[in-house]
Amino acid sequence: MTAFEPSAHHVGITVSDLEETLPFYRDVIGLEVVDRFSVGGEAFSDAVGVEGARGEFAHLEADGCRIELVEYEPQARGVSAAGLNQPGATHVGLAVDDLEAVADALPDDVPIISGPRTTESGTTVMFVRDPESNLLELLEF
């Protein structure tokens, strides 16, 4: 039993170029931008454990799940996107009504891991990558 009762606030994705990545989530995926802000200063640097850190943030609404895109300065270099089967790998899952229609409407430049596939659980899924190779799972139940 915990001494507190947490509630979900957001899922965060660190990106190297917020202005390049935001249109994918807003225009291609169709999420609404609900907030944009910057954070810096000593308290923020201490909180994230990065000296001189500053962040540019965009919050998007996904039917009750807030997705946070953040671009940090200074940026870490040399980290590649993890595959789904690697410990520590992350992805965002978004439910849609008609996965075939969504797949057909995706622009040609969106990297698709595979087209829609119905799994043994009965859920139809497909994985795509955003402009920075972060994984996004689209699901139809």
N, C-alpha and C. Protein backbone atom coordinates (compact mmCIF):
# COMPACT_ATOMS: atom_id res chain seq x y z
N MET A 1 0.84 -1.17 0.00
CA MET A 1 0.00 0.00 0.00
C MET A 1 0.89 1.24 0.00
N THR A 2 0.59 2.19 -0.88
CA THR A 2 1.40 3.40 -0.96
C THR A 2 0.83 4.48 -0.05
N ALA A 3 1.66 5.44 0.28
CA ALA A 3 1.25 6.54 1.14
C ALA A 3 0.60 7.66 0.33
N PHE A 4 0.44 7.48 -0.96
CA PHE A 4 -0.17 8.50 -1.80
C PHE A 4 -1.02 7.83 -2.86
N GLU A 5 -1.88 8.59 -3.51
CA GLU A 5 -2.74 8.07 -4.56
C GLU A 5 -2.43 8.80 -5.86
N PRO A 6 -1.53 8.25 -6.68
CA PRO A 6 -1.14 8.94 -7.91
C PRO A 6 -2.25 8.92 -8.96
N SER A 7 -2.24 9.92 -9.79
CA SER A 7 -3.12 9.95 -10.96
C SER A 7 -2.25 10.29 -12.17
N ALA A 8 -2.63 9.76 -13.31
CA ALA A 8 -1.84 9.99 -14.52
C ALA A 8 -1.94 11.45 -14.94
N HIS A 9 -0.82 12.01 -15.36
CA HIS A 9 -0.79 13.39 -15.87
C HIS A 9 -0.39 13.43 -17.33
N HIS A 10 0.72 12.77 -17.70
CA HIS A 10 1.17 12.79 -19.09
C HIS A 10 2.14 11.65 -19.37
N VAL A 11 2.36 11.43 -20.67
CA VAL A 11 3.41 10.56 -21.17
C VAL A 11 4.37 11.48 -21.92
N GLY A 12 5.66 11.41 -21.59
CA GLY A 12 6.63 12.32 -22.20
C GLY A 12 7.48 11.65 -23.25
N ILE A 13 7.76 12.41 -24.31
CA ILE A 13 8.66 11.97 -25.37
C ILE A 13 9.68 13.08 -25.59
N THR A 14 10.97 12.77 -25.41
CA THR A 14 12.02 13.74 -25.66
C THR A 14 12.37 13.71 -27.14
N VAL A 15 12.39 14.88 -27.76
CA VAL A 15 12.69 15.00 -29.19
C VAL A 15 13.85 15.96 -29.37
N SER A 16 14.55 15.85 -30.50
CA SER A 16 15.66 16.77 -30.74
C SER A 16 15.20 18.05 -31.42
N ASP A 17 14.04 18.03 -32.11
CA ASP A 17 13.55 19.21 -32.82
C ASP A 17 12.03 19.27 -32.66
N LEU A 18 11.56 20.05 -31.70
CA LEU A 18 10.13 20.15 -31.42
C LEU A 18 9.36 20.68 -32.62
N GLU A 19 9.90 21.67 -33.30
CA GLU A 19 9.18 22.27 -34.43
C GLU A 19 9.05 21.31 -35.60
N GLU A 20 9.96 20.36 -35.72
CA GLU A 20 9.87 19.34 -36.78
C GLU A 20 8.92 18.22 -36.39
N THR A 21 8.91 17.84 -35.12
CA THR A 21 8.14 16.69 -34.66
C THR A 21 6.69 17.03 -34.36
N LEU A 22 6.42 18.22 -33.84
CA LEU A 22 5.06 18.60 -33.45
C LEU A 22 4.05 18.46 -34.60
N PRO A 23 4.35 18.88 -35.83
CA PRO A 23 3.35 18.73 -36.90
C PRO A 23 2.92 17.28 -37.15
N PHE A 24 3.81 16.31 -36.91
CA PHE A 24 3.44 14.91 -37.07
C PHE A 24 2.29 14.56 -36.13
N TYR A 25 2.46 14.88 -34.85
CA TYR A 25 1.45 14.53 -33.86
C TYR A 25 0.18 15.37 -34.04
N ARG A 26 0.32 16.63 -34.43
CA ARG A 26 -0.83 17.51 -34.60
C ARG A 26 -1.55 17.26 -35.92
N ASP A 27 -0.81 17.27 -37.03
CA ASP A 27 -1.43 17.26 -38.36
C ASP A 27 -1.63 15.85 -38.92
N VAL A 28 -0.70 14.94 -38.68
CA VAL A 28 -0.82 13.58 -39.22
C VAL A 28 -1.66 12.71 -38.29
N ILE A 29 -1.34 12.73 -36.99
CA ILE A 29 -2.05 11.89 -36.03
C ILE A 29 -3.35 12.54 -35.57
N GLY A 30 -3.42 13.87 -35.59
CA GLY A 30 -4.66 14.58 -35.28
C GLY A 30 -4.87 14.95 -33.82
N LEU A 31 -3.78 15.05 -33.05
CA LEU A 31 -3.90 15.44 -31.65
C LEU A 31 -3.96 16.96 -31.54
N GLU A 32 -4.70 17.44 -30.55
CA GLU A 32 -4.85 18.87 -30.31
C GLU A 32 -3.74 19.38 -29.40
N VAL A 33 -3.08 20.46 -29.79
CA VAL A 33 -2.09 21.11 -28.93
C VAL A 33 -2.86 21.90 -27.88
N VAL A 34 -2.65 21.55 -26.59
CA VAL A 34 -3.37 22.22 -25.52
C VAL A 34 -2.49 23.17 -24.72
N ASP A 35 -1.18 23.08 -24.90
CA ASP A 35 -0.29 23.98 -24.16
C ASP A 35 1.09 23.97 -24.79
N ARG A 36 1.75 25.13 -24.78
CA ARG A 36 3.14 25.28 -25.20
C ARG A 36 3.82 26.16 -24.16
N PHE A 37 5.01 25.76 -23.72
CA PHE A 37 5.71 26.56 -22.72
C PHE A 37 7.18 26.19 -22.68
N SER A 38 7.97 27.04 -22.04
CA SER A 38 9.40 26.84 -21.83
C SER A 38 9.68 26.81 -20.34
N VAL A 39 10.68 26.01 -19.95
CA VAL A 39 11.10 25.96 -18.55
C VAL A 39 12.62 25.93 -18.53
N GLY A 40 13.20 26.71 -17.63
CA GLY A 40 14.65 26.72 -17.45
C GLY A 40 14.95 27.09 -16.01
N GLY A 41 16.18 27.49 -15.77
CA GLY A 41 16.57 27.95 -14.45
C GLY A 41 17.17 26.85 -13.60
N GLU A 42 17.71 27.26 -12.46
CA GLU A 42 18.43 26.35 -11.58
C GLU A 42 17.55 25.23 -11.03
N ALA A 43 16.33 25.54 -10.61
CA ALA A 43 15.45 24.50 -10.05
C ALA A 43 15.14 23.43 -11.11
N PHE A 44 14.91 23.84 -12.34
CA PHE A 44 14.63 22.88 -13.41
C PHE A 44 15.86 22.03 -13.69
N SER A 45 17.03 22.67 -13.79
CA SER A 45 18.28 21.94 -14.02
C SER A 45 18.52 20.90 -12.93
N ASP A 46 18.30 21.30 -11.68
CA ASP A 46 18.46 20.37 -10.56
C ASP A 46 17.46 19.23 -10.66
N ALA A 47 16.21 19.55 -11.01
CA ALA A 47 15.15 18.54 -11.06
C ALA A 47 15.42 17.47 -12.11
N VAL A 48 15.93 17.88 -13.28
CA VAL A 48 16.17 16.91 -14.36
C VAL A 48 17.59 16.36 -14.34
N GLY A 49 18.44 16.90 -13.47
CA GLY A 49 19.80 16.39 -13.33
C GLY A 49 20.70 16.71 -14.51
N VAL A 50 20.44 17.84 -15.18
CA VAL A 50 21.24 18.26 -16.34
C VAL A 50 21.65 19.71 -16.13
N GLU A 51 22.94 19.95 -15.99
CA GLU A 51 23.43 21.30 -15.75
C GLU A 51 23.04 22.23 -16.90
N GLY A 52 22.47 23.38 -16.55
CA GLY A 52 22.09 24.38 -17.54
C GLY A 52 20.90 23.99 -18.41
N ALA A 53 20.10 23.04 -17.95
CA ALA A 53 18.99 22.53 -18.77
C ALA A 53 17.90 23.57 -18.98
N ARG A 54 17.33 23.50 -20.16
CA ARG A 54 16.17 24.30 -20.53
C ARG A 54 15.32 23.40 -21.42
N GLY A 55 14.00 23.51 -21.31
CA GLY A 55 13.11 22.68 -22.11
C GLY A 55 12.05 23.50 -22.81
N GLU A 56 11.77 23.12 -24.04
CA GLU A 56 10.64 23.67 -24.81
C GLU A 56 9.61 22.55 -24.87
N PHE A 57 8.39 22.82 -24.41
CA PHE A 57 7.37 21.80 -24.25
C PHE A 57 6.15 22.06 -25.12
N ALA A 58 5.53 20.98 -25.57
CA ALA A 58 4.21 21.03 -26.20
C ALA A 58 3.40 19.90 -25.59
N HIS A 59 2.20 20.21 -25.10
CA HIS A 59 1.29 19.20 -24.57
C HIS A 59 0.16 19.02 -25.58
N LEU A 60 -0.13 17.74 -25.88
CA LEU A 60 -1.18 17.39 -26.82
C LEU A 60 -2.21 16.51 -26.12
N GLU A 61 -3.46 16.65 -26.52
CA GLU A 61 -4.55 15.89 -25.91
C GLU A 61 -4.91 14.70 -26.78
N ALA A 62 -4.99 13.53 -26.13
CA ALA A 62 -5.37 12.29 -26.82
C ALA A 62 -6.47 11.61 -26.01
N ASP A 63 -7.66 12.19 -26.04
CA ASP A 63 -8.83 11.61 -25.37
C ASP A 63 -8.54 11.25 -23.92
N GLY A 64 -8.08 12.23 -23.16
CA GLY A 64 -7.82 12.02 -21.74
C GLY A 64 -6.39 11.65 -21.40
N CYS A 65 -5.57 11.40 -22.39
CA CYS A 65 -4.15 11.11 -22.17
C CYS A 65 -3.35 12.27 -22.74
N ARG A 66 -2.63 12.96 -21.89
CA ARG A 66 -1.81 14.08 -22.35
C ARG A 66 -0.46 13.54 -22.80
N ILE A 67 -0.04 13.94 -23.99
CA ILE A 67 1.27 13.56 -24.51
C ILE A 67 2.14 14.81 -24.51
N GLU A 68 3.30 14.70 -23.88
CA GLU A 68 4.22 15.82 -23.76
C GLU A 68 5.41 15.60 -24.68
N LEU A 69 5.62 16.51 -25.61
CA LEU A 69 6.83 16.53 -26.41
C LEU A 69 7.75 17.57 -25.79
N VAL A 70 9.02 17.22 -25.59
CA VAL A 70 9.95 18.17 -24.99
C VAL A 70 11.28 18.13 -25.73
N GLU A 71 11.79 19.32 -26.03
CA GLU A 71 13.12 19.48 -26.62
C GLU A 71 14.01 20.11 -25.55
N TYR A 72 15.08 19.41 -25.19
CA TYR A 72 15.99 19.89 -24.15
C TYR A 72 17.22 20.55 -24.76
N GLU A 73 17.71 21.54 -24.05
CA GLU A 73 19.04 22.10 -24.27
C GLU A 73 19.75 22.04 -22.94
N PRO A 74 20.95 21.55 -22.84
CA PRO A 74 21.71 20.91 -23.92
C PRO A 74 21.15 19.53 -24.22
N GLN A 75 21.36 19.07 -25.44
CA GLN A 75 20.89 17.76 -25.87
C GLN A 75 21.98 16.71 -25.69
N ALA A 76 21.55 15.53 -25.27
CA ALA A 76 22.47 14.39 -25.25
C ALA A 76 22.65 13.93 -26.68
N ARG A 77 23.77 13.37 -27.00
CA ARG A 77 24.05 12.92 -28.37
C ARG A 77 24.30 11.42 -28.37
N GLY A 78 24.07 10.81 -29.53
CA GLY A 78 24.46 9.42 -29.75
C GLY A 78 23.52 8.37 -29.21
N VAL A 79 22.29 8.72 -28.85
CA VAL A 79 21.34 7.73 -28.36
C VAL A 79 20.43 7.33 -29.52
N SER A 80 20.40 6.03 -29.83
CA SER A 80 19.56 5.59 -30.93
C SER A 80 18.22 5.11 -30.40
N ALA A 81 17.22 5.10 -31.27
CA ALA A 81 15.89 4.63 -30.89
C ALA A 81 15.93 3.13 -30.62
N ALA A 82 15.35 2.74 -29.50
CA ALA A 82 15.34 1.33 -29.12
C ALA A 82 14.27 0.57 -29.88
N GLY A 83 14.55 -0.69 -30.16
CA GLY A 83 13.53 -1.56 -30.73
C GLY A 83 12.54 -1.95 -29.64
N LEU A 84 11.37 -2.40 -30.02
CA LEU A 84 10.34 -2.74 -29.05
C LEU A 84 10.76 -3.81 -28.06
N ASN A 85 11.62 -4.71 -28.46
CA ASN A 85 11.99 -5.82 -27.59
C ASN A 85 13.19 -5.51 -26.70
N GLN A 86 13.68 -4.28 -26.67
CA GLN A 86 14.83 -3.93 -25.84
C GLN A 86 14.34 -3.39 -24.50
N PRO A 87 14.93 -3.87 -23.39
CA PRO A 87 14.55 -3.32 -22.09
C PRO A 87 14.70 -1.80 -22.09
N GLY A 88 13.72 -1.13 -21.55
CA GLY A 88 13.72 0.32 -21.50
C GLY A 88 13.06 0.97 -22.71
N ALA A 89 12.69 0.16 -23.70
CA ALA A 89 12.04 0.72 -24.89
C ALA A 89 10.68 1.31 -24.50
N THR A 90 10.32 2.38 -25.16
CA THR A 90 9.04 3.04 -24.90
C THR A 90 8.28 3.23 -26.20
N HIS A 91 6.98 3.38 -26.07
CA HIS A 91 6.14 3.75 -27.19
C HIS A 91 4.85 4.35 -26.64
N VAL A 92 4.14 5.07 -27.48
CA VAL A 92 2.84 5.62 -27.13
C VAL A 92 1.81 4.84 -27.93
N GLY A 93 0.75 4.39 -27.28
CA GLY A 93 -0.32 3.67 -27.94
C GLY A 93 -1.57 4.53 -28.04
N LEU A 94 -2.13 4.64 -29.24
CA LEU A 94 -3.34 5.42 -29.46
C LEU A 94 -4.39 4.56 -30.14
N ALA A 95 -5.60 4.52 -29.58
CA ALA A 95 -6.69 3.75 -30.17
C ALA A 95 -7.37 4.57 -31.26
N VAL A 96 -7.74 3.90 -32.34
CA VAL A 96 -8.45 4.53 -33.46
C VAL A 96 -9.65 3.65 -33.81
N ASP A 97 -10.64 4.24 -34.49
CA ASP A 97 -11.85 3.49 -34.86
C ASP A 97 -11.64 2.60 -36.08
N ASP A 98 -10.86 3.07 -37.06
CA ASP A 98 -10.69 2.34 -38.32
C ASP A 98 -9.22 2.38 -38.72
N LEU A 99 -8.48 1.37 -38.28
CA LEU A 99 -7.03 1.35 -38.49
C LEU A 99 -6.66 1.29 -39.96
N GLU A 100 -7.41 0.55 -40.76
CA GLU A 100 -7.14 0.48 -42.21
C GLU A 100 -7.24 1.87 -42.83
N ALA A 101 -8.27 2.64 -42.46
CA ALA A 101 -8.42 4.00 -42.99
C ALA A 101 -7.28 4.90 -42.55
N VAL A 102 -6.87 4.76 -41.29
CA VAL A 102 -5.75 5.56 -40.79
C VAL A 102 -4.48 5.19 -41.55
N ALA A 103 -4.24 3.91 -41.73
CA ALA A 103 -3.04 3.45 -42.45
C ALA A 103 -3.04 4.00 -43.88
N ASP A 104 -4.19 3.97 -44.54
CA ASP A 104 -4.28 4.48 -45.90
C ASP A 104 -4.06 5.98 -45.98
N ALA A 105 -4.41 6.71 -44.90
CA ALA A 105 -4.30 8.17 -44.90
C ALA A 105 -2.92 8.68 -44.48
N LEU A 106 -2.06 7.80 -43.97
CA LEU A 106 -0.74 8.25 -43.53
C LEU A 106 0.08 8.73 -44.73
N PRO A 107 0.77 9.85 -44.57
CA PRO A 107 1.65 10.31 -45.66
C PRO A 107 2.72 9.27 -45.98
N ASP A 108 3.19 9.28 -47.22
CA ASP A 108 4.18 8.30 -47.68
C ASP A 108 5.49 8.36 -46.90
N ASP A 109 5.81 9.50 -46.29
CA ASP A 109 7.09 9.63 -45.59
C ASP A 109 7.04 9.15 -44.14
N VAL A 110 5.90 8.66 -43.66
CA VAL A 110 5.82 8.13 -42.30
C VAL A 110 6.36 6.70 -42.30
N PRO A 111 7.44 6.44 -41.56
CA PRO A 111 8.00 5.08 -41.50
C PRO A 111 7.03 4.11 -40.81
N ILE A 112 6.62 3.07 -41.53
CA ILE A 112 5.68 2.08 -41.01
C ILE A 112 6.46 0.79 -40.73
N ILE A 113 6.35 0.28 -39.49
CA ILE A 113 7.01 -0.98 -39.13
C ILE A 113 6.28 -2.12 -39.85
N SER A 114 4.96 -2.13 -39.80
CA SER A 114 4.14 -3.07 -40.56
C SER A 114 2.76 -2.48 -40.70
N GLY A 115 2.04 -2.92 -41.71
CA GLY A 115 0.65 -2.51 -41.86
C GLY A 115 -0.19 -3.13 -40.76
N PRO A 116 -1.47 -2.81 -40.71
CA PRO A 116 -2.34 -3.37 -39.67
C PRO A 116 -2.31 -4.89 -39.64
N ARG A 117 -2.16 -5.44 -38.44
CA ARG A 117 -2.14 -6.88 -38.22
C ARG A 117 -3.05 -7.19 -37.04
N THR A 118 -3.93 -8.17 -37.18
CA THR A 118 -4.80 -8.58 -36.08
C THR A 118 -4.09 -9.68 -35.30
N THR A 119 -3.88 -9.42 -34.01
CA THR A 119 -3.14 -10.35 -33.15
C THR A 119 -4.08 -11.42 -32.60
N GLU A 120 -3.51 -12.41 -31.95
CA GLU A 120 -4.32 -13.49 -31.38
C GLU A 120 -5.24 -13.01 -30.27
N SER A 121 -5.00 -11.80 -29.73
CA SER A 121 -5.89 -11.24 -28.72
C SER A 121 -7.13 -10.61 -29.36
N GLY A 122 -7.11 -10.47 -30.70
CA GLY A 122 -8.24 -9.86 -31.41
C GLY A 122 -8.05 -8.38 -31.68
N THR A 123 -6.99 -7.80 -31.17
CA THR A 123 -6.70 -6.39 -31.40
C THR A 123 -5.91 -6.23 -32.69
N THR A 124 -6.28 -5.24 -33.49
CA THR A 124 -5.53 -4.94 -34.70
C THR A 124 -4.56 -3.81 -34.36
N VAL A 125 -3.29 -4.01 -34.69
CA VAL A 125 -2.25 -3.05 -34.34
C VAL A 125 -1.37 -2.75 -35.55
N MET A 126 -0.75 -1.59 -35.49
CA MET A 126 0.35 -1.28 -36.40
C MET A 126 1.27 -0.31 -35.67
N PHE A 127 2.54 -0.38 -36.00
CA PHE A 127 3.53 0.52 -35.41
C PHE A 127 4.11 1.40 -36.49
N VAL A 128 4.25 2.68 -36.15
CA VAL A 128 4.90 3.65 -37.04
C VAL A 128 5.94 4.39 -36.23
N ARG A 129 6.79 5.13 -36.91
CA ARG A 129 7.78 5.96 -36.24
C ARG A 129 7.50 7.43 -36.56
N ASP A 130 7.69 8.28 -35.56
CA ASP A 130 7.54 9.71 -35.78
C ASP A 130 8.79 10.23 -36.50
N PRO A 131 8.88 11.51 -36.80
CA PRO A 131 10.05 12.03 -37.54
C PRO A 131 11.39 11.82 -36.84
N GLU A 132 11.38 11.49 -35.53
CA GLU A 132 12.62 11.25 -34.81
C GLU A 132 12.80 9.79 -34.42
N SER A 133 12.04 8.91 -35.06
CA SER A 133 12.11 7.46 -34.88
C SER A 133 11.51 6.96 -33.58
N ASN A 134 10.76 7.78 -32.85
CA ASN A 134 10.03 7.30 -31.68
C ASN A 134 8.89 6.42 -32.15
N LEU A 135 8.61 5.35 -31.40
CA LEU A 135 7.57 4.40 -31.79
C LEU A 135 6.18 4.85 -31.34
N LEU A 136 5.23 4.69 -32.24
CA LEU A 136 3.83 5.00 -31.98
C LEU A 136 3.02 3.78 -32.39
N GLU A 137 2.25 3.22 -31.46
CA GLU A 137 1.38 2.08 -31.75
C GLU A 137 -0.03 2.58 -31.98
N LEU A 138 -0.62 2.21 -33.09
CA LEU A 138 -2.01 2.53 -33.39
C LEU A 138 -2.80 1.24 -33.24
N LEU A 139 -3.90 1.27 -32.49
CA LEU A 139 -4.67 0.08 -32.17
C LEU A 139 -6.14 0.25 -32.53
N GLU A 140 -6.74 -0.84 -32.97
CA GLU A 140 -8.19 -0.89 -33.16
C GLU A 140 -8.69 -2.11 -32.40
N PHE A 141 -9.65 -1.91 -31.52
CA PHE A 141 -10.20 -3.01 -30.71
C PHE A 141 -11.43 -3.58 -31.35
